[in-house]
C-alpha cells in the first residue's frame, strides 16, 4: 500500500544514518550489483526530488535498484536523475505515480477516494499519470506504478466500465512511449485484477505484487493469488501484515516475517514463474528505524539463498 503522505517513508528510513553508512562503506562494490542472475535482486523505495542526495543513501545501503517517488516532474529533474542513476549504478524499476487529492486507506472510505475508480479527482489523476509516463520516458524509468482503486468485481458495474474506458487510452499512450503500467495489488481480488488487465488489453499492463496488501485488505491468500496473476508480476513489495478483524479497517502491517506472508513459499513460486524483477522492501510502520531495512535485507537474502 502506498499512501502519498507515507510514500517517502522508506526513503525516510534511509536518512539520518551515519553509523550505518560508515559500516556499509566497507562493502565491496560488487555487493551493489546482482551477483547471481538466477537469484532475486533487492531494492528499496526512495524519494528522488533531490536525486544526488537521495540516491547516494540508496547506494550507501548496498542497494542497486529502487522504486522512485517524486513530487514534481520536470525535464531538468529528469536530466539530473539520469546522471545520478548512472553515477551510482542504480537501476530505477518504476515511478510511483499517484494523486492528487486525498486517499483514505480503509475499507469504508477507500472505495470512494483511492485511484481512478472514483469519479471525483479522476481527471486530475489521469493528468498526473500522463505526466508521470512522460517523466519515465525522459528519465529512463521503465514503468509507472500506482494504486488504481477498488476495481469492482462485477464487470457490468458502471464504475468498472468507466475504469476500463479510462485506462485504455492511458495504456495506449504509455505503450507508444515504451513504458509499462504496474497495478499495485490490494484493493481488488486477483481475478478482478486479471479481468481488468485483460479487458483494458493494451499489452503493457502488469502487476506490482504486494502480498501484505492482499492479506491486509482480506482479498486473497498471497501464495494462491500468484496462481491467478503470477504471469503478470513485474514488481514485488516485501512487506508483511495480518488479516482484517474489523469490518471497517485494514489488517495491520507488521515487521517481516511476523505476519501472514509466507516469503519462502512465495519466493519459491516466483522462481518457478521465472520472475526476473526486483524484491523491493517497503515499510510504512510508524517509528520503525532504518536498521529495519538492513535486518529485512538480511532475512530476505537468507530466504533467497535457500531456494
Protein backbone atom coordinates (compact mmCIF):
# COMPACT_ATOMS: atom_id res chain seq x y z
CA UNK A 1 0.00 0.00 0.00
CA UNK A 2 1.33 3.42 -0.90
CA UNK A 3 -0.01 6.43 1.00
CA UNK A 4 1.21 9.68 -0.55
CA UNK A 5 1.70 11.07 2.93
CA UNK A 6 3.72 7.99 3.88
CA UNK A 7 5.06 7.45 0.39
CA UNK A 8 8.56 8.63 1.22
CA UNK A 9 8.73 6.66 4.43
CA UNK A 10 11.07 4.03 3.06
CA UNK A 11 13.26 6.89 1.91
CA UNK A 12 12.96 8.49 5.35
CA UNK A 13 14.25 5.25 6.85
CA UNK A 14 17.39 5.83 4.82
CA UNK A 15 18.05 9.26 6.33
CA UNK A 16 19.98 10.21 9.45
CA UNK A 17 22.12 7.07 9.44
CA UNK A 18 25.82 7.98 9.74
CA UNK A 19 26.70 4.84 11.72
CA UNK A 20 25.03 2.55 9.19
CA UNK A 21 26.60 4.42 6.28
CA UNK A 22 30.02 4.00 7.88
CA UNK A 23 29.56 0.27 8.28
CA UNK A 24 28.21 -0.09 4.77
CA UNK A 25 31.11 1.83 3.27
CA UNK A 26 33.31 -1.23 3.69
CA UNK A 27 31.14 -3.37 1.39
CA UNK A 28 32.74 -4.37 -1.87
CA UNK A 29 31.49 -2.60 -4.95
CA UNK A 30 30.33 -5.91 -6.37
CA UNK A 31 27.89 -6.11 -3.46
CA UNK A 32 25.92 -3.31 -5.04
CA UNK A 33 25.15 -5.45 -8.07
CA UNK A 34 23.05 -8.53 -8.58
CA UNK A 35 25.61 -11.26 -8.03
CA UNK A 36 23.53 -14.20 -9.26
CA UNK A 37 21.44 -13.78 -12.42
CA UNK A 38 19.24 -16.68 -11.28
CA UNK A 39 18.53 -15.03 -7.92
CA UNK A 40 16.40 -12.03 -6.93
CA UNK A 41 17.72 -8.50 -6.66
CA UNK A 42 16.69 -6.49 -3.61
CA UNK A 43 15.69 -2.85 -3.74
CA UNK A 44 14.04 -0.09 -1.72
CA UNK A 45 11.63 2.78 -2.26
CA UNK A 46 13.34 6.15 -2.40
CA UNK A 47 12.46 9.77 -2.90
CA UNK A 48 14.25 11.41 -5.81
CA UNK A 49 13.30 15.05 -5.50
CA UNK A 50 16.97 15.69 -4.76
CA UNK A 51 18.49 12.73 -6.61
CA UNK A 52 22.14 13.46 -5.81
CA UNK A 53 21.42 13.23 -2.08
CA UNK A 54 18.54 10.74 -2.04
CA UNK A 55 20.12 8.11 -4.28
CA UNK A 56 23.50 8.29 -2.57
CA UNK A 57 21.75 6.92 0.52
CA UNK A 58 20.32 4.05 -1.52
CA UNK A 59 23.78 3.28 -2.91
CA UNK A 60 25.43 3.50 0.51
CA UNK A 61 22.97 0.98 1.93
CA UNK A 62 24.13 -1.52 -0.67
CA UNK A 63 21.10 -1.49 -2.97
CA UNK A 64 21.42 -1.22 -6.73
CA UNK A 65 17.71 -0.92 -7.53
CA UNK A 66 14.87 1.25 -6.31
CA UNK A 67 11.33 2.39 -6.92
CA UNK A 68 11.11 6.17 -7.07
CA UNK A 69 8.62 8.67 -5.68
CA UNK A 70 8.82 12.26 -6.89
CA UNK A 71 6.73 15.29 -6.05
CA UNK A 72 7.02 17.40 -9.20
CA UNK A 73 8.15 16.26 -12.63
CA UNK A 74 10.34 18.45 -14.85
CA UNK A 75 12.83 18.00 -17.71
CA UNK A 76 15.58 19.42 -15.51
CA UNK A 77 14.93 16.88 -12.77
CA UNK A 78 14.82 14.06 -15.32
CA UNK A 79 18.27 15.06 -16.57
CA UNK A 80 19.67 15.17 -13.04
CA UNK A 81 18.11 11.81 -12.28
CA UNK A 82 19.60 10.14 -15.37
CA UNK A 83 23.05 11.42 -14.47
CA UNK A 84 22.79 10.40 -10.82
CA UNK A 85 21.44 6.93 -11.51
CA UNK A 86 24.34 6.31 -13.86
CA UNK A 87 26.89 7.66 -11.40
CA UNK A 88 25.64 5.47 -8.54
CA UNK A 89 24.93 2.43 -10.76
CA UNK A 90 21.32 2.24 -9.57
CA UNK A 91 18.54 0.76 -11.69
CA UNK A 92 15.18 2.55 -11.40
CA UNK A 93 12.46 -0.09 -11.56
CA UNK A 94 9.33 2.07 -11.50
CA UNK A 95 7.95 5.52 -10.78
CA UNK A 96 5.24 5.52 -8.11
CA UNK A 97 2.71 7.96 -9.52
CA UNK A 98 -0.46 8.83 -7.62
CA UNK A 99 -2.55 11.80 -6.57
CA UNK A 100 -3.58 14.50 -6.40
CA UNK A 101 -6.25 14.52 -3.72
CA UNK A 102 -6.93 12.52 -0.60
CA UNK A 103 -6.59 8.74 -0.34
CA UNK A 104 -8.26 7.05 2.64
CA UNK A 105 -6.61 3.74 3.43
CA UNK A 106 -9.53 1.89 4.99
CA UNK A 107 -12.41 -0.31 3.89
CA UNK A 108 -15.14 2.32 4.23
CA UNK A 109 -13.77 5.49 2.62
CA UNK A 110 -11.16 3.79 0.44
CA UNK A 111 -13.54 2.79 -2.38
CA UNK A 112 -14.59 6.42 -2.89
CA UNK A 113 -11.13 8.03 -2.58
CA UNK A 114 -8.42 5.75 -3.98
CA UNK A 115 -7.22 5.74 -7.57
CA UNK A 116 -9.15 6.19 -10.82
CA UNK A 117 -12.24 4.16 -9.95
CA UNK A 118 -13.96 7.02 -8.07
CA UNK A 119 -15.15 9.80 -10.36
CA UNK A 120 -14.01 12.54 -8.02
CA UNK A 121 -10.45 13.65 -8.89
CA UNK A 122 -10.32 11.14 -11.77
CA UNK A 123 -9.49 13.76 -14.41
CA UNK A 124 -6.74 15.29 -12.28
CA UNK A 125 -5.23 11.88 -11.56
CA UNK A 126 -5.30 10.90 -15.22
CA UNK A 127 -3.39 14.10 -15.99
CA UNK A 128 -0.83 13.20 -13.33
CA UNK A 129 -0.39 9.74 -14.86
CA UNK A 130 0.28 11.18 -18.31
CA UNK A 131 2.87 13.47 -16.76
CA UNK A 132 4.41 10.50 -14.96
CA UNK A 133 4.62 8.49 -18.18
CA UNK A 134 6.38 11.39 -19.91
CA UNK A 135 8.78 11.68 -16.99
CA UNK A 136 9.54 7.96 -17.13
CA UNK A 137 10.39 8.28 -20.81
CA UNK A 138 12.68 11.25 -20.16
CA UNK A 139 14.41 9.68 -17.16
CA UNK A 140 14.78 6.11 -18.44
CA UNK A 141 12.38 4.59 -15.90
CA UNK A 142 10.72 1.51 -17.45
CA UNK A 143 7.33 1.66 -15.76
CA UNK A 144 4.80 3.76 -13.87
CA UNK A 145 3.08 2.27 -10.87
CA UNK A 146 0.02 3.13 -8.75
CA UNK A 147 -2.94 2.00 -6.71
CA UNK A 148 -5.77 2.34 -9.21
CA UNK A 149 -8.58 1.84 -6.70
CA UNK A 150 -11.15 -0.71 -5.58
CA UNK A 151 -11.85 -2.18 -9.01
CA UNK A 152 -15.43 -3.57 -8.93
CA UNK A 153 -15.81 -7.33 -9.15
CA UNK A 154 -18.94 -7.00 -11.30
CA UNK A 155 -17.79 -6.36 -14.90
CA UNK A 156 -21.17 -4.75 -15.61
CA UNK A 157 -20.78 -2.24 -12.79
CA UNK A 158 -20.72 1.22 -14.38
CA UNK A 159 -17.59 2.13 -12.40
CA UNK A 160 -15.83 -0.93 -13.80
CA UNK A 161 -16.84 0.00 -17.34
CA UNK A 162 -15.68 3.59 -16.79
CA UNK A 163 -12.40 2.41 -15.31
CA UNK A 164 -11.62 0.22 -18.32
CA UNK A 165 -12.54 3.05 -20.69
CA UNK A 166 -10.33 5.45 -18.71
CA UNK A 167 -7.34 3.13 -18.64
CA UNK A 168 -7.31 2.16 -22.32
CA UNK A 169 -6.02 5.49 -23.67
CA UNK A 170 -3.53 5.74 -20.81
CA UNK A 171 -2.23 2.26 -21.60
CA UNK A 172 -2.02 3.05 -25.30
CA UNK A 173 -0.16 6.29 -24.63
CA UNK A 174 2.31 4.50 -22.34
CA UNK A 175 2.77 1.75 -24.93
CA UNK A 176 3.75 4.29 -27.58
CA UNK A 177 6.30 5.69 -25.14
CA UNK A 178 7.68 2.24 -24.35
CA UNK A 179 6.51 2.43 -20.73
CA UNK A 180 4.76 -0.33 -18.77
CA UNK A 181 1.99 0.29 -16.23
CA UNK A 182 2.03 -1.66 -12.97
CA UNK A 183 -1.10 -2.21 -10.88
CA UNK A 184 -0.39 -2.39 -7.15
CA UNK A 185 -2.34 -5.27 -5.61
CA UNK A 186 -4.61 -4.84 -2.64
CA UNK A 187 -7.99 -3.27 -3.21
CA UNK A 188 -9.38 -5.98 -5.51
CA UNK A 189 -9.26 -9.75 -5.75
CA UNK A 190 -6.60 -11.23 -8.04
CA UNK A 191 -9.22 -12.46 -10.50
CA UNK A 192 -10.75 -8.96 -10.70
CA UNK A 193 -7.33 -7.50 -11.46
CA UNK A 194 -6.78 -10.21 -14.07
CA UNK A 195 -10.09 -9.31 -15.71
CA UNK A 196 -9.24 -5.59 -15.75
CA UNK A 197 -5.81 -6.15 -17.30
CA UNK A 198 -7.39 -8.40 -19.92
CA UNK A 199 -10.27 -6.06 -20.70
CA UNK A 200 -8.05 -2.99 -20.99
CA UNK A 201 -5.85 -5.11 -23.19
CA UNK A 202 -3.08 -2.73 -24.26
CA UNK A 203 -0.36 -5.33 -23.72
CA UNK A 204 1.81 -3.25 -21.39
CA UNK A 205 -0.17 -3.73 -18.17
CA UNK A 206 1.43 -5.70 -15.37
CA UNK A 207 1.37 -6.14 -11.60
CA UNK A 208 3.39 -4.89 -8.67
CA UNK A 209 2.61 -7.72 -6.29
CA UNK A 210 2.25 -6.67 -2.66
CA UNK A 211 1.43 -9.82 -0.68
CA UNK A 212 0.81 -7.90 2.54
CA UNK A 213 -1.85 -5.77 0.85
CA UNK A 214 -3.76 -8.86 -0.24
CA UNK A 215 -3.71 -10.01 3.38
CA UNK A 216 -4.48 -6.62 4.95
CA UNK A 217 -7.42 -5.94 2.61
CA UNK A 218 -8.67 -9.50 3.07
CA UNK A 219 -8.67 -10.10 -0.69
CA UNK A 220 -6.58 -13.26 -1.07
CA UNK A 221 -4.01 -15.60 0.33
CA UNK A 222 -0.92 -14.12 -1.36
CA UNK A 223 0.53 -17.51 -2.31
CA UNK A 224 -2.71 -18.52 -4.04
CA UNK A 225 -3.03 -15.11 -5.65
CA UNK A 226 0.10 -15.82 -7.65
CA UNK A 227 -1.70 -18.76 -9.26
CA UNK A 228 -4.14 -16.25 -10.76
CA UNK A 229 -1.97 -13.30 -11.81
CA UNK A 230 1.57 -14.60 -11.41
CA UNK A 231 2.40 -14.32 -15.10
CA UNK A 232 1.78 -10.57 -14.94
CA UNK A 233 4.02 -9.87 -11.93
CA UNK A 234 6.83 -7.46 -12.83
CA UNK A 235 7.39 -5.88 -9.41
CA UNK A 236 7.16 -7.10 -5.82
CA UNK A 237 6.87 -5.39 -2.43
CA UNK A 238 8.44 -7.16 0.53
CA UNK A 239 6.02 -6.28 3.31
CA UNK A 240 4.07 -8.28 5.89
CA UNK A 241 0.70 -7.96 7.55
CA UNK A 242 -2.30 -9.58 9.21
CA UNK A 243 -5.85 -10.15 8.01
CA UNK A 244 -8.55 -7.60 8.98
CA UNK A 245 -10.60 -8.38 12.08
CA UNK A 246 -12.59 -5.13 11.92
CA UNK A 247 -15.10 -4.76 9.10
CA UNK A 248 -14.11 -1.13 8.56
CA UNK A 249 -10.33 -1.20 8.86
CA UNK A 250 -7.44 -2.90 7.10
CA UNK A 251 -5.43 -5.56 8.82
CA UNK A 252 -2.23 -4.42 10.47
CA UNK A 253 1.18 -4.14 8.88
CA UNK A 254 3.80 -5.99 10.93
CA UNK A 255 7.55 -6.45 10.55
CA UNK A 256 8.75 -9.21 8.23
CA UNK A 257 8.41 -12.17 8.98
CA UNK A 258 5.87 -11.72 11.80
CA UNK A 259 2.70 -11.71 9.68
CA UNK A 260 0.76 -13.99 7.39
CA UNK A 261 3.01 -13.74 4.32
CA UNK A 262 4.96 -16.95 3.71
CA UNK A 263 8.02 -15.48 1.99
CA UNK A 264 9.87 -18.80 1.46
CA UNK A 265 6.86 -20.32 -0.32
CA UNK A 266 6.12 -17.17 -2.33
CA UNK A 267 9.74 -16.73 -3.43
CA UNK A 268 9.85 -20.38 -4.48
CA UNK A 269 6.69 -19.80 -6.54
CA UNK A 270 8.17 -16.67 -8.10
CA UNK A 271 11.25 -18.66 -9.03
CA UNK A 272 9.04 -21.23 -10.81
CA UNK A 273 7.44 -18.35 -12.67
CA UNK A 274 10.93 -17.20 -13.76
CA UNK A 275 10.30 -13.86 -12.10
CA UNK A 276 13.11 -11.53 -13.15
CA UNK A 277 12.10 -8.39 -11.27
CA UNK A 278 13.23 -6.82 -8.04
CA UNK A 279 12.12 -7.55 -4.48
CA UNK A 280 11.52 -4.04 -3.13
CA UNK A 281 11.47 -3.58 0.64
CA UNK A 282 8.53 -1.40 1.72
CA UNK A 283 7.80 -0.29 5.26
CA UNK A 284 5.05 2.04 6.46
CA UNK A 285 5.32 1.25 10.17
CA UNK A 286 5.44 4.49 12.13
CA UNK A 287 8.50 4.63 14.36
CA UNK A 288 10.50 1.97 12.54
CA UNK A 289 14.17 2.83 12.28
CA UNK A 290 16.48 2.46 9.35
CA UNK A 291 18.02 -0.69 10.80
CA UNK A 292 14.75 -2.43 9.84
CA UNK A 293 15.78 -2.16 6.19
CA UNK A 294 19.10 -3.86 6.81
CA UNK A 295 17.59 -6.51 9.09
CA UNK A 296 14.93 -7.25 6.49
CA UNK A 297 17.52 -7.27 3.73
CA UNK A 298 19.47 -9.95 5.63
CA UNK A 299 16.33 -12.01 6.21
CA UNK A 300 15.23 -11.87 2.59
CA UNK A 301 18.72 -12.74 1.36
CA UNK A 302 18.71 -15.77 3.65
CA UNK A 303 15.39 -16.91 2.20
CA UNK A 304 16.63 -16.38 -1.34
CA UNK A 305 19.86 -18.26 -0.64
CA UNK A 306 17.87 -21.34 0.42
CA UNK A 307 15.61 -21.51 -2.65
